[in-house]
């Protein structure tokens, strides 16, 4: 995911997870939740994302998982 494609990035300081969370707005005006976790949690977070995709595919109401990857951008 390219953070340069966001026209707005606002930190969210709520929640109990250790993830850093941001409300981001894309250049086309779409608002998304961006979660950034420590690289040591990569495998766990990948499984979590895949389970969210399966859950969403079954029509269960929930936030829509959009993308998963590695972010090496500084300044987030």
Protein backbone atom coordinates (compact mmCIF):
# COMPACT_ATOMS: atom_id res chain seq x y z
CA UNK A 1 0.00 0.00 0.00
CA UNK A 2 1.40 3.38 -0.95
CA UNK A 3 0.84 6.06 1.69
CA UNK A 4 1.52 8.69 -0.96
CA UNK A 5 -1.93 7.83 -2.36
CA UNK A 6 -3.56 9.28 0.77
CA UNK A 7 -4.52 12.91 0.85
CA UNK A 8 -5.24 12.80 4.57
CA UNK A 9 -3.77 10.68 7.40
CA UNK A 10 -5.10 11.16 10.94
CA UNK A 11 -3.95 9.05 13.91
CA UNK A 12 -6.60 7.23 15.94
CA UNK A 13 -5.72 6.96 19.62
CA UNK A 14 -8.46 4.55 20.67
CA UNK A 15 -8.74 0.80 21.00
CA UNK A 16 -6.94 -1.87 22.95
CA UNK A 17 -4.76 -3.47 20.27
CA UNK A 18 -1.09 -2.65 20.03
CA UNK A 19 -1.56 -1.65 16.39
CA UNK A 20 -1.11 1.94 15.30
CA UNK A 21 -4.36 3.03 13.68
CA UNK A 22 -5.07 5.81 11.23
CA UNK A 23 -8.11 7.21 9.46
CA UNK A 24 -6.91 7.80 5.91
CA UNK A 25 -8.61 9.41 2.96
CA UNK A 26 -7.60 8.39 -0.55
CA UNK A 27 -7.21 10.78 -3.44
CA UNK A 28 -10.67 9.72 -4.66
CA UNK A 29 -12.30 10.56 -1.29
CA UNK A 30 -12.66 7.03 0.12
CA UNK A 31 -12.16 6.85 3.91
CA UNK A 32 -10.36 3.79 5.26
CA UNK A 33 -8.97 2.46 8.53
CA UNK A 34 -5.24 1.73 8.24
CA UNK A 35 -3.77 -0.56 10.89
CA UNK A 36 0.00 -0.85 11.26
CA UNK A 37 1.50 -3.63 13.40
CA UNK A 38 5.02 -4.56 14.36
CA UNK A 39 6.78 -6.74 11.76
CA UNK A 40 7.19 -9.46 14.41
CA UNK A 41 3.41 -9.97 14.19
CA UNK A 42 3.37 -10.39 10.40
CA UNK A 43 2.35 -14.07 10.30
CA UNK A 44 -0.37 -13.61 12.92
CA UNK A 45 -1.76 -10.51 11.19
CA UNK A 46 -1.74 -12.26 7.80
CA UNK A 47 -3.85 -15.12 9.20
CA UNK A 48 -6.16 -12.57 10.85
CA UNK A 49 -6.61 -10.75 7.53
CA UNK A 50 -7.35 -14.00 5.67
CA UNK A 51 -9.97 -14.95 8.27
CA UNK A 52 -11.57 -11.53 7.92
CA UNK A 53 -11.76 -12.05 4.14
CA UNK A 54 -13.48 -15.43 4.61
CA UNK A 55 -15.90 -13.99 7.13
CA UNK A 56 -16.79 -11.07 4.85
CA UNK A 57 -17.25 -13.46 1.90
CA UNK A 58 -19.96 -15.25 3.89
CA UNK A 59 -21.96 -12.03 4.10
CA UNK A 60 -21.40 -11.41 7.79
CA UNK A 61 -21.67 -7.67 8.49
CA UNK A 62 -18.23 -6.35 9.38
CA UNK A 63 -15.63 -3.85 8.21
CA UNK A 64 -14.44 -4.79 4.71
CA UNK A 65 -10.84 -6.02 4.60
CA UNK A 66 -9.18 -4.17 1.70
CA UNK A 67 -5.48 -4.96 1.55
CA UNK A 68 -2.60 -6.51 3.47
CA UNK A 69 1.09 -5.90 3.06
CA UNK A 70 4.29 -4.44 4.35
CA UNK A 71 4.62 -0.70 4.82
CA UNK A 72 8.16 0.58 4.99
CA UNK A 73 7.26 4.24 4.69
CA UNK A 74 8.56 6.54 7.42
CA UNK A 75 6.39 9.17 8.96
CA UNK A 76 3.18 7.21 9.56
